[in-house]
Amino acid sequence: MEDSTATRLQINLAGLSKTDYRGNPSTLCQGCGHNSISSQIIAACYEMDVVPENVVKFSGIGCSSKSPTYFMNRSFGFNSLHGRMPSIATGALFGDHTLKGIGVSGDGDTASIGMGQFKHVMRRNVNMVYVVENNGVYGLTKGQFSATAEKGLTLKKQGANQYMPVDICMEAMASNATFVARSFAGNPKQVKELLKAAMAHKGIAVLDIISPCVTFNNQENAYHSYAWGKDHEEPLHDITYIAPRSEIILEREMEEGEMREVSMHDGSVVILKNLEKGYDPTDRFAALRTLQEAQVNNWLATGLIYIETNKPSLVDTYNLVDTPLNRLAEADLRPSPAMIDKVNALMF
């Protein structure tokens, strides 16, 4: 009887075990932050009772873009060209708006060759989770600086970086993304809770996750290393995701400003317990100010930086029919003879 109970506890409301959310064995370097992120995607989707067949995965080129192979084998995936993942995702999710998209990119794939496409997927508010596995280096091509590498960073055979880094979250804010968060692969609990909130968000959810490259960029003074991340992480709040089915019961009255609840489209709730006095992730200007202060002070500000739940998604903007476009039959698309006659009469 005890074994039977234990077995039931391992099955979620979708009738699946955690094994059903796994992918192929990773071929990335042992200790790579990307593998930790894949593990948290598996955990988040399992705990949220996601049906893998209702998720479609996207990626571009780079170490990060191999990641979708390592989670949810039962989901369809598309590995696109370098920097071109957003347009593929936009087309696919426009064609079938019933699917949830998870895109995994890297700092090179997004902040260099893919910057233009990254901008447009945000301004269109495509309904997807966009994870940037950010390690500040081109690991797949043996250790060149990426666009997010900090100025002054010295890498073997590369010399010192002379350019100011691109801040993924700043770019997301400037492009009017409706969900912007930053985390650190060495903080798996926060990564998982942010992924849950991102999955529940209707629109584009950008997660910039600092993910150390243990082979080419893990010196203690490198901003994308495990050591630096652990020493400089400044969480904005503790974050807890509450599923729609769960009743929220507080053990006591919370003091004003101690906790903030953000309601999602699907009825779920993200609870933020402030670590900094009065931080409000719905305040766009506060979010920009926080990012600027973190950049000036070399802080790794992590958590839910900004969220907007009222902006229409791409599907809402075009008022698509309930049936996905890719499932409409010819009879659904072909105008009736009477309608054709009416149009011709207006034209001629």
Protein backbone atom coordinates (compact mmCIF):
# COMPACT_ATOMS: atom_id res chain seq x y z
CA MET A 1 0.00 0.00 0.00
CA GLU A 2 2.84 2.37 0.85
CA ASP A 3 4.53 1.61 -2.50
CA SER A 4 1.26 2.36 -4.31
CA THR A 5 0.95 5.71 -2.53
CA ALA A 6 4.55 6.62 -3.37
CA THR A 7 3.93 5.76 -7.02
CA ARG A 8 0.82 7.99 -7.12
CA LEU A 9 2.72 10.89 -5.65
CA GLN A 10 5.19 10.73 -8.53
CA ILE A 11 2.42 11.20 -11.12
CA ASN A 12 1.19 14.73 -11.79
CA LEU A 13 -2.32 15.85 -12.77
CA ALA A 14 -1.48 15.27 -16.44
CA GLY A 15 -0.92 11.61 -15.57
CA LEU A 16 2.81 11.87 -16.25
CA SER A 17 5.95 11.18 -14.27
CA LYS A 18 8.98 13.43 -14.26
CA THR A 19 10.68 10.97 -16.62
CA ASP A 20 8.12 11.90 -19.29
CA TYR A 21 9.61 15.41 -19.38
CA ARG A 22 13.22 14.40 -19.86
CA GLY A 23 15.20 14.58 -23.09
CA ASN A 24 18.36 12.96 -24.42
CA PRO A 25 21.56 12.82 -22.35
CA SER A 26 23.47 16.12 -22.50
CA THR A 27 26.61 16.37 -24.64
CA LEU A 28 27.60 19.71 -23.08
CA CYS A 29 30.59 20.05 -20.75
CA GLN A 30 30.13 18.63 -17.26
CA GLY A 31 29.13 21.46 -14.93
CA CYS A 32 27.75 23.67 -17.72
CA GLY A 33 25.06 26.01 -16.41
CA HIS A 34 22.89 25.17 -19.42
CA ASN A 35 22.34 21.65 -18.07
CA SER A 36 21.06 23.06 -14.78
CA ILE A 37 18.58 25.24 -16.67
CA SER A 38 17.32 22.24 -18.66
CA SER A 39 16.77 20.38 -15.39
CA GLN A 40 14.67 23.25 -14.04
CA ILE A 41 12.59 23.42 -17.24
CA ILE A 42 11.85 19.71 -16.74
CA ALA A 43 10.93 20.28 -13.09
CA ALA A 44 8.78 23.36 -13.81
CA CYS A 45 6.77 21.69 -16.59
CA TYR A 46 6.27 18.55 -14.49
CA GLU A 47 5.06 20.52 -11.48
CA MET A 48 2.73 22.62 -13.66
CA ASP A 49 1.16 19.50 -15.19
CA VAL A 50 2.09 20.62 -18.70
CA VAL A 51 1.26 18.17 -21.49
CA PRO A 52 4.50 17.95 -23.55
CA GLU A 53 2.60 17.58 -26.82
CA ASN A 54 1.12 21.05 -26.20
CA VAL A 55 4.58 22.63 -26.13
CA VAL A 56 6.79 23.42 -29.10
CA LYS A 57 10.52 24.09 -28.63
CA PHE A 58 12.69 26.46 -30.65
CA SER A 59 16.38 27.30 -30.79
CA GLY A 60 19.03 28.84 -33.01
CA ILE A 61 22.73 27.96 -33.07
CA GLY A 62 25.24 27.64 -30.23
CA CYS A 63 25.79 25.60 -27.07
CA SER A 64 22.56 27.02 -25.65
CA SER A 65 20.59 26.05 -28.73
CA LYS A 66 21.42 22.39 -28.16
CA SER A 67 19.51 22.55 -24.87
CA PRO A 68 15.99 21.71 -26.19
CA THR A 69 17.34 18.25 -27.03
CA TYR A 70 17.82 17.68 -23.30
CA PHE A 71 14.23 18.26 -22.16
CA MET A 72 10.75 17.11 -23.22
CA ASN A 73 11.43 14.56 -25.95
CA ARG A 74 7.69 14.26 -26.52
CA SER A 75 7.45 17.92 -27.64
CA PHE A 76 8.09 18.93 -31.23
CA GLY A 77 11.23 21.02 -31.65
CA PHE A 78 12.77 23.16 -34.38
CA ASN A 79 16.48 24.02 -34.41
CA SER A 80 16.74 27.01 -36.74
CA LEU A 81 19.54 29.17 -38.16
CA HIS A 82 21.87 31.37 -36.12
CA GLY A 83 19.85 34.28 -34.71
CA ARG A 84 16.70 33.33 -36.61
CA MET A 85 14.78 31.48 -33.91
CA PRO A 86 12.29 34.33 -33.20
CA SER A 87 10.86 34.43 -36.73
CA ILE A 88 10.44 30.65 -36.82
CA ALA A 89 8.72 30.77 -33.43
CA THR A 90 6.46 33.66 -34.50
CA GLY A 91 5.28 31.76 -37.58
CA ALA A 92 4.71 28.50 -35.75
CA LEU A 93 2.83 30.05 -32.84
CA PHE A 94 0.74 32.18 -35.20
CA GLY A 95 -0.14 29.03 -37.13
CA ASP A 96 -1.23 27.21 -33.96
CA HIS A 97 -1.99 29.54 -31.07
CA THR A 98 -3.05 26.64 -28.82
CA LEU A 99 0.59 25.67 -28.32
CA LYS A 100 2.98 27.19 -25.78
CA GLY A 101 6.41 28.05 -27.14
CA ILE A 102 9.68 27.62 -25.29
CA GLY A 103 12.63 29.19 -27.08
CA VAL A 104 16.19 28.68 -25.86
CA SER A 105 18.86 31.01 -27.15
CA GLY A 106 22.26 32.29 -26.08
CA ASP A 107 23.99 35.63 -25.70
CA GLY A 108 25.54 35.28 -29.14
CA ASP A 109 22.44 33.90 -30.83
CA THR A 110 20.30 36.70 -29.32
CA ALA A 111 22.53 39.72 -28.63
CA SER A 112 24.75 39.57 -31.73
CA ILE A 113 23.45 38.13 -34.99
CA GLY A 114 19.93 37.74 -33.62
CA MET A 115 19.44 41.17 -32.03
CA GLY A 116 17.06 42.43 -34.72
CA GLN A 117 14.82 39.38 -34.50
CA PHE A 118 14.93 39.50 -30.69
CA LYS A 119 13.58 43.05 -30.82
CA HIS A 120 10.67 42.16 -33.08
CA VAL A 121 9.49 39.06 -31.20
CA MET A 122 9.15 41.29 -28.12
CA ARG A 123 7.33 44.18 -29.75
CA ARG A 124 4.85 41.68 -31.24
CA ASN A 125 4.34 40.09 -27.80
CA VAL A 126 4.47 36.53 -29.13
CA ASN A 127 3.13 34.05 -26.58
CA MET A 128 6.32 32.21 -25.67
CA VAL A 129 8.99 31.76 -23.03
CA TYR A 130 12.30 33.12 -24.35
CA VAL A 131 15.25 31.81 -22.31
CA VAL A 132 18.67 33.35 -22.91
CA GLU A 133 21.42 31.11 -21.52
CA ASN A 134 23.95 33.88 -21.03
CA ASN A 135 27.62 32.95 -20.49
CA GLY A 136 29.38 35.93 -22.10
CA VAL A 137 31.38 33.77 -24.49
CA TYR A 138 31.11 31.80 -27.74
CA GLY A 139 31.72 28.37 -26.24
CA LEU A 140 30.85 26.35 -29.34
CA THR A 141 33.54 28.09 -31.41
CA LYS A 142 36.19 27.93 -28.69
CA GLY A 143 35.97 31.00 -26.53
CA GLN A 144 35.56 34.33 -28.32
CA PHE A 145 33.90 37.27 -26.55
CA SER A 146 30.16 37.56 -26.98
CA ALA A 147 28.15 40.78 -26.98
CA THR A 148 27.35 40.39 -23.27
CA ALA A 149 30.97 40.00 -22.13
CA GLU A 150 31.98 42.70 -19.66
CA LYS A 151 34.43 45.39 -20.66
CA GLY A 152 37.97 44.51 -19.59
CA LEU A 153 37.38 40.74 -19.48
CA THR A 154 40.51 38.87 -20.51
CA LEU A 155 40.19 35.50 -22.21
CA LYS A 156 42.87 33.14 -23.43
CA LYS A 157 43.98 34.03 -27.00
CA GLN A 158 41.42 36.89 -27.10
CA GLY A 159 43.16 39.63 -25.12
CA ALA A 160 40.99 42.15 -23.29
CA ASN A 161 37.44 43.04 -24.31
CA GLN A 162 37.21 46.74 -25.27
CA TYR A 163 33.43 47.09 -25.60
CA MET A 164 30.59 47.75 -23.18
CA PRO A 165 28.29 44.73 -22.82
CA VAL A 166 24.74 44.41 -24.10
CA ASP A 167 22.29 44.04 -21.19
CA ILE A 168 19.63 41.53 -22.27
CA CYS A 169 17.08 42.77 -19.73
CA MET A 170 17.66 46.40 -20.69
CA GLU A 171 17.09 45.51 -24.34
CA ALA A 172 13.93 43.62 -23.42
CA MET A 173 12.61 46.62 -21.47
CA ALA A 174 13.44 49.00 -24.32
CA SER A 175 11.52 46.73 -26.70
CA ASN A 176 8.42 46.67 -24.49
CA ALA A 177 8.59 43.04 -23.42
CA THR A 178 5.74 42.21 -21.04
CA PHE A 179 7.72 39.88 -18.75
CA VAL A 180 11.39 40.44 -17.96
CA ALA A 181 13.37 38.42 -15.45
CA ARG A 182 16.98 37.61 -14.64
CA SER A 183 18.36 34.66 -12.75
CA PHE A 184 21.54 32.68 -12.13
CA ALA A 185 21.97 29.02 -13.03
CA GLY A 186 23.54 28.52 -9.60
CA ASN A 187 20.19 29.43 -7.98
CA PRO A 188 17.98 26.57 -9.23
CA LYS A 189 14.97 27.30 -6.99
CA GLN A 190 14.66 30.84 -8.31
CA VAL A 191 15.15 29.65 -11.90
CA LYS A 192 12.33 27.12 -11.52
CA GLU A 193 9.85 29.59 -9.97
CA LEU A 194 10.58 32.18 -12.65
CA LEU A 195 10.08 29.54 -15.36
CA LYS A 196 6.69 28.67 -13.87
CA ALA A 197 5.63 32.32 -13.87
CA ALA A 198 6.90 32.70 -17.44
CA MET A 199 4.91 29.66 -18.58
CA ALA A 200 1.74 31.16 -17.07
CA HIS A 201 2.32 34.54 -18.73
CA LYS A 202 0.33 35.41 -21.84
CA GLY A 203 2.79 37.12 -24.16
CA ILE A 204 6.56 37.24 -24.43
CA ALA A 205 8.42 36.21 -21.26
CA VAL A 206 12.16 36.92 -21.42
CA LEU A 207 14.45 35.16 -18.94
CA ASP A 208 18.09 36.23 -18.98
CA ILE A 209 19.84 33.45 -17.05
CA ILE A 210 23.54 33.85 -16.26
CA SER A 211 24.87 30.40 -17.14
CA PRO A 212 28.62 29.94 -16.54
CA CYS A 213 30.78 28.36 -19.23
CA VAL A 214 33.06 26.11 -17.17
CA THR A 215 35.50 25.64 -20.05
CA PHE A 216 36.14 29.13 -21.41
CA ASN A 217 34.76 31.73 -19.00
CA ASN A 218 34.75 30.60 -15.37
CA GLN A 219 37.55 32.69 -13.83
CA GLU A 220 36.63 33.96 -10.38
CA ASN A 221 36.60 37.60 -11.55
CA ALA A 222 34.52 36.93 -14.68
CA TYR A 223 30.97 38.30 -14.37
CA HIS A 224 29.50 35.12 -15.88
CA SER A 225 31.30 32.70 -13.55
CA TYR A 226 29.87 30.63 -10.71
CA ALA A 227 32.10 32.31 -8.13
CA TRP A 228 31.25 35.88 -9.19
CA GLY A 229 27.56 35.09 -9.49
CA LYS A 230 27.34 33.61 -6.00
CA ASP A 231 29.24 36.55 -4.48
CA HIS A 232 27.36 39.32 -6.29
CA GLU A 233 23.80 38.06 -6.66
CA GLU A 234 21.30 40.59 -5.28
CA PRO A 235 17.81 39.04 -5.35
CA LEU A 236 15.03 41.61 -5.60
CA HIS A 237 12.61 39.30 -3.78
CA ASP A 238 11.76 35.72 -2.94
CA ILE A 239 9.40 34.40 -5.60
CA THR A 240 6.76 31.70 -5.30
CA TYR A 241 4.43 30.56 -8.08
CA ILE A 242 0.92 29.50 -7.02
CA ALA A 243 -1.03 27.38 -9.53
CA PRO A 244 -4.66 28.31 -10.31
CA ARG A 245 -6.04 25.29 -8.48
CA SER A 246 -4.23 26.10 -5.23
CA GLU A 247 -5.96 28.12 -2.54
CA ILE A 248 -3.76 30.83 -1.07
CA ILE A 249 -3.87 30.78 2.71
CA LEU A 250 -1.70 33.09 4.75
CA GLU A 251 -0.81 32.09 8.27
CA ARG A 252 -0.99 35.69 9.45
CA GLU A 253 -1.69 39.17 8.20
CA MET A 254 1.27 40.44 6.17
CA GLU A 255 2.65 43.86 6.91
CA GLU A 256 2.18 46.51 4.26
CA GLY A 257 4.90 46.29 1.64
CA GLU A 258 6.10 42.90 2.82
CA MET A 259 4.47 40.88 0.08
CA ARG A 260 3.07 41.55 -3.37
CA GLU A 261 0.79 39.35 -5.46
CA VAL A 262 0.73 39.51 -9.26
CA SER A 263 -2.26 37.81 -10.92
CA MET A 264 -1.64 36.03 -14.21
CA HIS A 265 -4.03 35.54 -17.14
CA ASP A 266 -4.80 31.94 -16.24
CA GLY A 267 -5.79 32.70 -12.67
CA SER A 268 -2.46 31.71 -11.16
CA VAL A 269 -0.57 34.04 -8.85
CA VAL A 270 3.05 35.01 -8.44
CA ILE A 271 3.86 35.97 -4.85
CA LEU A 272 6.83 38.26 -4.36
CA LYS A 273 8.28 38.79 -0.92
CA ASN A 274 10.27 41.99 -1.09
CA LEU A 275 13.91 41.87 -0.10
CA GLU A 276 14.38 45.46 -1.20
CA LYS A 277 11.97 47.99 0.28
CA GLY A 278 8.92 48.54 -1.89
CA TYR A 279 10.20 47.06 -5.16
CA ASP A 280 7.30 46.92 -7.62
CA PRO A 281 7.77 44.73 -10.74
CA THR A 282 4.76 46.38 -12.40
CA ASP A 283 6.50 49.79 -12.34
CA ARG A 284 8.35 50.16 -15.64
CA PHE A 285 10.49 53.10 -14.51
CA ALA A 286 11.46 51.36 -11.28
CA ALA A 287 12.56 48.35 -13.30
CA LEU A 288 14.74 50.47 -15.58
CA ARG A 289 16.22 52.28 -12.59
CA THR A 290 16.99 48.97 -10.87
CA LEU A 291 18.78 47.63 -13.94
CA GLN A 292 20.81 50.83 -14.27
CA GLU A 293 21.82 50.78 -10.60
CA ALA A 294 22.82 47.12 -10.85
CA GLN A 295 24.96 47.86 -13.90
CA VAL A 296 26.74 50.79 -12.25
CA ASN A 297 27.37 48.89 -9.00
CA ASN A 298 28.27 45.52 -10.57
CA TRP A 299 25.32 43.80 -8.90
CA LEU A 300 23.69 40.71 -10.33
CA ALA A 301 20.08 41.76 -9.72
CA THR A 302 17.90 38.68 -10.04
CA GLY A 303 14.19 38.01 -9.87
CA LEU A 304 11.07 39.21 -11.68
CA ILE A 305 12.16 42.63 -12.89
CA TYR A 306 9.06 43.70 -14.83
CA ILE A 307 5.65 42.30 -15.71
CA GLU A 308 2.65 43.69 -17.61
CA THR A 309 -0.42 41.46 -17.87
CA ASN A 310 -2.82 43.74 -19.76
CA LYS A 311 -1.09 44.10 -23.12
CA PRO A 312 -2.67 41.99 -25.90
CA SER A 313 -0.57 39.14 -27.26
CA LEU A 314 0.06 38.61 -30.99
CA VAL A 315 -2.95 36.29 -31.16
CA ASP A 316 -5.20 38.88 -29.50
CA THR A 317 -3.96 41.63 -31.81
CA TYR A 318 -5.06 39.69 -34.91
CA ASN A 319 -8.27 38.37 -33.31
CA LEU A 320 -7.62 34.85 -34.56
CA VAL A 321 -10.40 32.27 -34.64
CA ASP A 322 -10.44 29.55 -31.99
CA THR A 323 -9.41 26.85 -34.46
CA PRO A 324 -5.68 27.05 -35.18
CA LEU A 325 -4.93 28.32 -38.69
CA ASN A 326 -2.97 25.19 -39.53
CA ARG A 327 -6.08 23.05 -38.91
CA LEU A 328 -8.56 25.02 -41.00
CA ALA A 329 -9.82 23.05 -43.99
CA GLU A 330 -10.25 24.45 -47.50
CA ALA A 331 -13.98 24.73 -46.89
CA ASP A 332 -13.28 26.96 -43.88
CA LEU A 333 -11.04 29.26 -45.88
CA ARG A 334 -12.89 29.46 -49.19
CA PRO A 335 -15.46 32.32 -49.37
CA SER A 336 -19.01 31.30 -50.33
CA PRO A 337 -20.21 32.07 -53.90
CA ALA A 338 -22.58 34.67 -52.46
CA MET A 339 -19.70 36.45 -50.71
CA ILE A 340 -17.59 36.40 -53.89
CA ASP A 341 -20.49 37.91 -55.85
CA LYS A 342 -20.86 40.61 -53.20
CA VAL A 343 -17.16 41.51 -53.35
CA ASN A 344 -17.18 41.58 -57.16
CA ALA A 345 -20.23 43.82 -57.14
CA LEU A 346 -18.47 46.29 -54.89
CA MET A 347 -15.35 46.28 -57.10
CA PHE A 348 -17.09 46.59 -60.44
